Every structure is written in C-alpha cells, then in structure tokens.
Amino acid sequence: MVETMAKQPVQALEIVKVARADLPLSCPQLGTEVWNLHPRVYLPIETGSETLCPYCGTHYVLEG
C-alpha cells in the first residue's frame, strides 16, 4: 500500500547579514545549536553580495 505524506507548510528561509570582517563565511555559524548542525561549508560571497547555503538554505547577505 502506498501512503502519501501530508504536505508541510513552506517555512521562510533565514536571512543573515554579514560584514566583511566576518569573512571567510562558513555555515553553520558559531553559536548554532548542535542538533541543527550540518557539515561546515565555506560560502563564496566575496564576489557577489549574497549566497545560499546548499545544506540548510540560509540566505546570507553581505553588507557594505
């Protein structure tokens, strides 16, 4: 028997503003709760003004 899963509401992605002093940018950031961690990944934001984490979808925006 095939069961269909109930659709979950789409949650808004988190937007995190970062300064040039915070570079190089990695996700997850320090202070993220342990249960919510994924492998650390360094994100290339220096060439643009924003980027998304491929694991959790957090949206990072470079200020200034």
PDB file of N, CA and C in Angstrom:
ATOM      1  N   MET A   1       0.840  -1.167   0.000  1.00  0.00           N
ATOM      2  CA  MET A   1       0.000   0.000   0.000  1.00  0.00           C
ATOM      3  C   MET A   1       0.892   1.240   0.000  1.00  0.00           C
ATOM      4  N   VAL A   2       0.570   2.211  -0.817  1.00  0.00           N
ATOM      5  CA  VAL A   2       1.330   3.444  -0.901  1.00  0.00           C
ATOM      6  C   VAL A   2       0.597   4.530  -0.135  1.00  0.00           C
ATOM      7  N   GLU A   3       1.321   5.147   0.781  1.00  0.00           N
ATOM      8  CA  GLU A   3       0.732   6.244   1.540  1.00  0.00           C
ATOM      9  C   GLU A   3       1.328   7.554   1.053  1.00  0.00           C
ATOM     10  N   THR A   4       0.514   8.557   0.980  1.00  0.00           N
ATOM     11  CA  THR A   4       1.031   9.872   0.601  1.00  0.00           C
ATOM     12  C   THR A   4       1.296  10.663   1.860  1.00  0.00           C
ATOM     13  N   MET A   5       2.359  11.396   1.850  1.00  0.00           N
ATOM     14  CA  MET A   5       2.714  12.211   3.007  1.00  0.00           C
ATOM     15  C   MET A   5       1.982  13.533   2.939  1.00  0.00           C
ATOM     16  N   ALA A   6       1.535  14.006   4.071  1.00  0.00           N
ATOM     17  CA  ALA A   6       0.870  15.308   4.130  1.00  0.00           C
ATOM     18  C   ALA A   6       1.883  16.385   3.804  1.00  0.00           C
ATOM     19  N   LYS A   7       1.478  17.353   3.030  1.00  0.00           N
ATOM     20  CA  LYS A   7       2.387  18.431   2.671  1.00  0.00           C
ATOM     21  C   LYS A   7       2.587  19.343   3.865  1.00  0.00           C
ATOM     22  N   GLN A   8       3.834  19.674   4.106  1.00  0.00           N
ATOM     23  CA  GLN A   8       4.179  20.579   5.189  1.00  0.00           C
ATOM     24  C   GLN A   8       4.212  22.001   4.658  1.00  0.00           C
ATOM     25  N   PRO A   9       3.810  22.991   5.470  1.00  0.00           N
ATOM     26  CA  PRO A   9       3.897  24.372   5.003  1.00  0.00           C
ATOM     27  C   PRO A   9       5.352  24.765   4.784  1.00  0.00           C
ATOM     28  N   VAL A  10       5.587  25.571   3.779  1.00  0.00           N
ATOM     29  CA  VAL A  10       6.943  26.018   3.467  1.00  0.00           C
ATOM     30  C   VAL A  10       7.350  27.075   4.483  1.00  0.00           C
ATOM     31  N   GLN A  11       8.503  26.868   5.105  1.00  0.00           N
ATOM     32  CA  GLN A  11       8.991  27.837   6.078  1.00  0.00           C
ATOM     33  C   GLN A  11       9.835  28.877   5.372  1.00  0.00           C
ATOM     34  N   ALA A  12       9.777  30.101   5.867  1.00  0.00           N
ATOM     35  CA  ALA A  12      10.597  31.164   5.309  1.00  0.00           C
ATOM     36  C   ALA A  12      12.063  30.870   5.617  1.00  0.00           C
ATOM     37  N   LEU A  13      12.921  31.099   4.650  1.00  0.00           N
ATOM     38  CA  LEU A  13      14.344  30.884   4.858  1.00  0.00           C
ATOM     39  C   LEU A  13      14.903  31.983   5.737  1.00  0.00           C
ATOM     40  N   GLU A  14      15.890  31.619   6.543  1.00  0.00           N
ATOM     41  CA  GLU A  14      16.530  32.589   7.415  1.00  0.00           C
ATOM     42  C   GLU A  14      17.451  33.478   6.588  1.00  0.00           C
ATOM     43  N   ILE A  15      17.437  34.782   6.872  1.00  0.00           N
ATOM     44  CA  ILE A  15      18.333  35.731   6.211  1.00  0.00           C
ATOM     45  C   ILE A  15      19.314  36.236   7.258  1.00  0.00           C
ATOM     46  N   VAL A  16      20.599  36.096   6.963  1.00  0.00           N
ATOM     47  CA  VAL A  16      21.657  36.512   7.886  1.00  0.00           C
ATOM     48  C   VAL A  16      22.506  37.563   7.194  1.00  0.00           C
ATOM     49  N   LYS A  17      22.656  38.729   7.833  1.00  0.00           N
ATOM     50  CA  LYS A  17      23.508  39.789   7.294  1.00  0.00           C
ATOM     51  C   LYS A  17      24.909  39.609   7.861  1.00  0.00           C
ATOM     52  N   VAL A  18      25.912  39.675   6.985  1.00  0.00           N
ATOM     53  CA  VAL A  18      27.302  39.517   7.401  1.00  0.00           C
ATOM     54  C   VAL A  18      28.113  40.714   6.927  1.00  0.00           C
ATOM     55  N   ALA A  19      29.151  41.043   7.683  1.00  0.00           N
ATOM     56  CA  ALA A  19      30.054  42.136   7.337  1.00  0.00           C
ATOM     57  C   ALA A  19      31.337  41.555   6.748  1.00  0.00           C
ATOM     58  N   ARG A  20      32.096  42.379   6.078  1.00  0.00           N
ATOM     59  CA  ARG A  20      33.374  41.921   5.502  1.00  0.00           C
ATOM     60  C   ARG A  20      34.308  41.383   6.582  1.00  0.00           C
ATOM     61  N   ALA A  21      34.181  41.894   7.805  1.00  0.00           N
ATOM     62  CA  ALA A  21      35.013  41.420   8.915  1.00  0.00           C
ATOM     63  C   ALA A  21      34.694  39.968   9.278  1.00  0.00           C
ATOM     64  N   ASP A  22      33.515  39.473   8.873  1.00  0.00           N
ATOM     65  CA  ASP A  22      33.098  38.099   9.174  1.00  0.00           C
ATOM     66  C   ASP A  22      33.604  37.081   8.152  1.00  0.00           C
ATOM     67  N   LEU A  23      34.295  37.541   7.121  1.00  0.00           N
ATOM     68  CA  LEU A  23      34.772  36.651   6.058  1.00  0.00           C
ATOM     69  C   LEU A  23      36.044  35.947   6.477  1.00  0.00           C
ATOM     70  N   PRO A  24      36.337  34.746   6.046  1.00  0.00           N
ATOM     71  CA  PRO A  24      35.558  33.936   5.119  1.00  0.00           C
ATOM     72  C   PRO A  24      34.288  33.434   5.797  1.00  0.00           C
ATOM     73  N   LEU A  25      33.226  33.339   5.020  1.00  0.00           N
ATOM     74  CA  LEU A  25      31.908  32.960   5.515  1.00  0.00           C
ATOM     75  C   LEU A  25      31.751  31.449   5.486  1.00  0.00           C
ATOM     76  N   SER A  26      31.309  30.903   6.610  1.00  0.00           N
ATOM     77  CA  SER A  26      31.021  29.471   6.655  1.00  0.00           C
ATOM     78  C   SER A  26      29.654  29.251   7.288  1.00  0.00           C
ATOM     79  N   CYS A  27      29.054  28.144   6.952  1.00  0.00           N
ATOM     80  CA  CYS A  27      27.768  27.765   7.513  1.00  0.00           C
ATOM     81  C   CYS A  27      27.893  26.323   7.955  1.00  0.00           C
ATOM     82  N   PRO A  28      27.429  25.967   9.136  1.00  0.00           N
ATOM     83  CA  PRO A  28      26.705  26.777  10.099  1.00  0.00           C
ATOM     84  C   PRO A  28      27.629  27.741  10.829  1.00  0.00           C
ATOM     85  N   GLN A  29      27.043  28.812  11.313  1.00  0.00           N
ATOM     86  CA  GLN A  29      27.792  29.840  12.023  1.00  0.00           C
ATOM     87  C   GLN A  29      28.032  29.413  13.470  1.00  0.00           C
ATOM     88  N   LEU A  30      28.998  30.040  14.110  1.00  0.00           N
ATOM     89  CA  LEU A  30      29.249  29.776  15.525  1.00  0.00           C
ATOM     90  C   LEU A  30      27.993  30.101  16.317  1.00  0.00           C
ATOM     91  N   GLY A  31      27.701  29.290  17.311  1.00  0.00           N
ATOM     92  CA  GLY A  31      26.525  29.516  18.141  1.00  0.00           C
ATOM     93  C   GLY A  31      25.286  28.788  17.675  1.00  0.00           C
ATOM     94  N   THR A  32      25.360  28.110  16.525  1.00  0.00           N
ATOM     95  CA  THR A  32      24.223  27.326  16.054  1.00  0.00           C
ATOM     96  C   THR A  32      24.065  26.123  16.971  1.00  0.00           C
ATOM     97  N   GLU A  33      22.815  25.807  17.335  1.00  0.00           N
ATOM     98  CA  GLU A  33      22.587  24.688  18.236  1.00  0.00           C
ATOM     99  C   GLU A  33      23.077  23.380  17.617  1.00  0.00           C
ATOM    100  N   VAL A  34      23.645  22.533  18.441  1.00  0.00           N
ATOM    101  CA  VAL A  34      24.280  21.296  17.986  1.00  0.00           C
ATOM    102  C   VAL A  34      23.312  20.399  17.217  1.00  0.00           C
ATOM    103  N   TRP A  35      22.076  20.287  17.637  1.00  0.00           N
ATOM    104  CA  TRP A  35      21.130  19.384  16.971  1.00  0.00           C
ATOM    105  C   TRP A  35      20.836  19.819  15.546  1.00  0.00           C
ATOM    106  N   ASN A  36      21.121  21.079  15.245  1.00  0.00           N
ATOM    107  CA  ASN A  36      20.756  21.648  13.954  1.00  0.00           C
ATOM    108  C   ASN A  36      21.960  21.779  13.017  1.00  0.00           C
ATOM    109  N   LEU A  37      23.063  21.120  13.324  1.00  0.00           N
ATOM    110  CA  LEU A  37      24.278  21.281  12.521  1.00  0.00           C
ATOM    111  C   LEU A  37      24.290  20.396  11.280  1.00  0.00           C
ATOM    112  N   HIS A  38      24.944  20.896  10.256  1.00  0.00           N
ATOM    113  CA  HIS A  38      25.258  20.124   9.060  1.00  0.00           C
ATOM    114  C   HIS A  38      26.750  20.297   8.839  1.00  0.00           C
ATOM    115  N   PRO A  39      27.359  19.572   7.925  1.00  0.00           N
ATOM    116  CA  PRO A  39      28.802  19.741   7.700  1.00  0.00           C
ATOM    117  C   PRO A  39      29.142  21.201   7.384  1.00  0.00           C
ATOM    118  N   ARG A  40      30.261  21.660   7.927  1.00  0.00           N
ATOM    119  CA  ARG A  40      30.677  23.043   7.670  1.00  0.00           C
ATOM    120  C   ARG A  40      31.037  23.201   6.206  1.00  0.00           C
ATOM    121  N   VAL A  41      30.521  24.270   5.607  1.00  0.00           N
ATOM    122  CA  VAL A  41      30.792  24.573   4.213  1.00  0.00           C
ATOM    123  C   VAL A  41      31.157  26.050   4.133  1.00  0.00           C
ATOM    124  N   TYR A  42      32.183  26.360   3.358  1.00  0.00           N
ATOM    125  CA  TYR A  42      32.586  27.754   3.154  1.00  0.00           C
ATOM    126  C   TYR A  42      31.888  28.279   1.915  1.00  0.00           C
ATOM    127  N   LEU A  43      31.278  29.450   2.062  1.00  0.00           N
ATOM    128  CA  LEU A  43      30.443  30.008   1.007  1.00  0.00           C
ATOM    129  C   LEU A  43      31.125  31.176   0.318  1.00  0.00           C
ATOM    130  N   PRO A  44      31.158  31.189  -1.010  1.00  0.00           N
ATOM    131  CA  PRO A  44      31.794  32.268  -1.764  1.00  0.00           C
ATOM    132  C   PRO A  44      30.871  33.486  -1.865  1.00  0.00           C
ATOM    133  N   ILE A  45      31.054  34.448  -0.972  1.00  0.00           N
ATOM    134  CA  ILE A  45      30.218  35.646  -1.002  1.00  0.00           C
ATOM    135  C   ILE A  45      31.039  36.875  -1.399  1.00  0.00           C
ATOM    136  N   GLU A  46      32.364  36.733  -1.451  1.00  0.00           N
ATOM    137  CA  GLU A  46      33.231  37.869  -1.746  1.00  0.00           C
ATOM    138  C   GLU A  46      32.980  38.458  -3.132  1.00  0.00           C
ATOM    139  N   THR A  47      32.630  37.624  -4.105  1.00  0.00           N
ATOM    140  CA  THR A  47      32.447  38.106  -5.479  1.00  0.00           C
ATOM    141  C   THR A  47      31.043  38.644  -5.738  1.00  0.00           C
ATOM    142  N   GLY A  48      30.104  38.341  -4.881  1.00  0.00           N
ATOM    143  CA  GLY A  48      28.734  38.825  -5.040  1.00  0.00           C
ATOM    144  C   GLY A  48      28.290  39.495  -3.754  1.00  0.00           C
ATOM    145  N   SER A  49      27.026  39.718  -3.641  1.00  0.00           N
ATOM    146  CA  SER A  49      26.546  40.358  -2.425  1.00  0.00           C
ATOM    147  C   SER A  49      25.649  39.441  -1.602  1.00  0.00           C
ATOM    148  N   GLU A  50      25.371  38.233  -2.124  1.00  0.00           N
ATOM    149  CA  GLU A  50      24.559  37.289  -1.372  1.00  0.00           C
ATOM    150  C   GLU A  50      24.816  35.869  -1.855  1.00  0.00           C
ATOM    151  N   THR A  51      24.469  34.908  -0.985  1.00  0.00           N
ATOM    152  CA  THR A  51      24.640  33.492  -1.314  1.00  0.00           C
ATOM    153  C   THR A  51      23.701  32.665  -0.460  1.00  0.00           C
ATOM    154  N   LEU A  52      23.463  31.436  -0.886  1.00  0.00           N
ATOM    155  CA  LEU A  52      22.630  30.497  -0.144  1.00  0.00           C
ATOM    156  C   LEU A  52      23.460  29.297   0.283  1.00  0.00           C
ATOM    157  N   CYS A  53      23.179  28.794   1.475  1.00  0.00           N
ATOM    158  CA  CYS A  53      23.830  27.568   1.925  1.00  0.00           C
ATOM    159  C   CYS A  53      23.163  26.390   1.220  1.00  0.00           C
ATOM    160  N   PRO A  54      23.952  25.507   0.591  1.00  0.00           N
ATOM    161  CA  PRO A  54      23.357  24.372  -0.116  1.00  0.00           C
ATOM    162  C   PRO A  54      22.748  23.319   0.809  1.00  0.00           C
ATOM    163  N   TYR A  55      23.115  23.322   2.098  1.00  0.00           N
ATOM    164  CA  TYR A  55      22.587  22.334   3.044  1.00  0.00           C
ATOM    165  C   TYR A  55      21.279  22.789   3.685  1.00  0.00           C
ATOM    166  N   CYS A  56      21.264  23.988   4.254  1.00  0.00           N
ATOM    167  CA  CYS A  56      20.117  24.418   5.036  1.00  0.00           C
ATOM    168  C   CYS A  56      19.301  25.537   4.399  1.00  0.00           C
ATOM    169  N   GLY A  57      19.831  26.122   3.319  1.00  0.00           N
ATOM    170  CA  GLY A  57      19.082  27.169   2.627  1.00  0.00           C
ATOM    171  C   GLY A  57      19.174  28.543   3.251  1.00  0.00           C
ATOM    172  N   THR A  58      20.005  28.705   4.285  1.00  0.00           N
ATOM    173  CA  THR A  58      20.152  30.033   4.886  1.00  0.00           C
ATOM    174  C   THR A  58      20.649  31.000   3.848  1.00  0.00           C
ATOM    175  N   HIS A  59      20.042  32.168   3.804  1.00  0.00           N
ATOM    176  CA  HIS A  59      20.362  33.217   2.825  1.00  0.00           C
ATOM    177  C   HIS A  59      21.290  34.226   3.505  1.00  0.00           C
ATOM    178  N   TYR A  60      22.515  34.354   3.016  1.00  0.00           N
ATOM    179  CA  TYR A  60      23.490  35.286   3.577  1.00  0.00           C
ATOM    180  C   TYR A  60      23.592  36.500   2.667  1.00  0.00           C
ATOM    181  N   VAL A  61      23.588  37.697   3.274  1.00  0.00           N
ATOM    182  CA  VAL A  61      23.684  38.955   2.540  1.00  0.00           C
ATOM    183  C   VAL A  61      24.890  39.718   3.083  1.00  0.00           C
ATOM    184  N   LEU A  62      25.784  40.129   2.178  1.00  0.00           N
ATOM    185  CA  LEU A  62      26.978  40.881   2.556  1.00  0.00           C
ATOM    186  C   LEU A  62      26.635  42.356   2.639  1.00  0.00           C
ATOM    187  N   GLU A  63      26.862  42.965   3.794  1.00  0.00           N
ATOM    188  CA  GLU A  63      26.583  44.377   3.994  1.00  0.00           C
ATOM    189  C   GLU A  63      27.786  45.214   3.616  1.00  0.00           C
ATOM    190  N   GLY A  64      27.506  46.394   3.100  1.00  0.00           N
ATOM    191  CA  GLY A  64      28.556  47.378   2.821  1.00  0.00           C
ATOM    192  C   GLY A  64      29.384  47.043   1.692  1.00  0.00           C
TER     193      GLY A  64
END
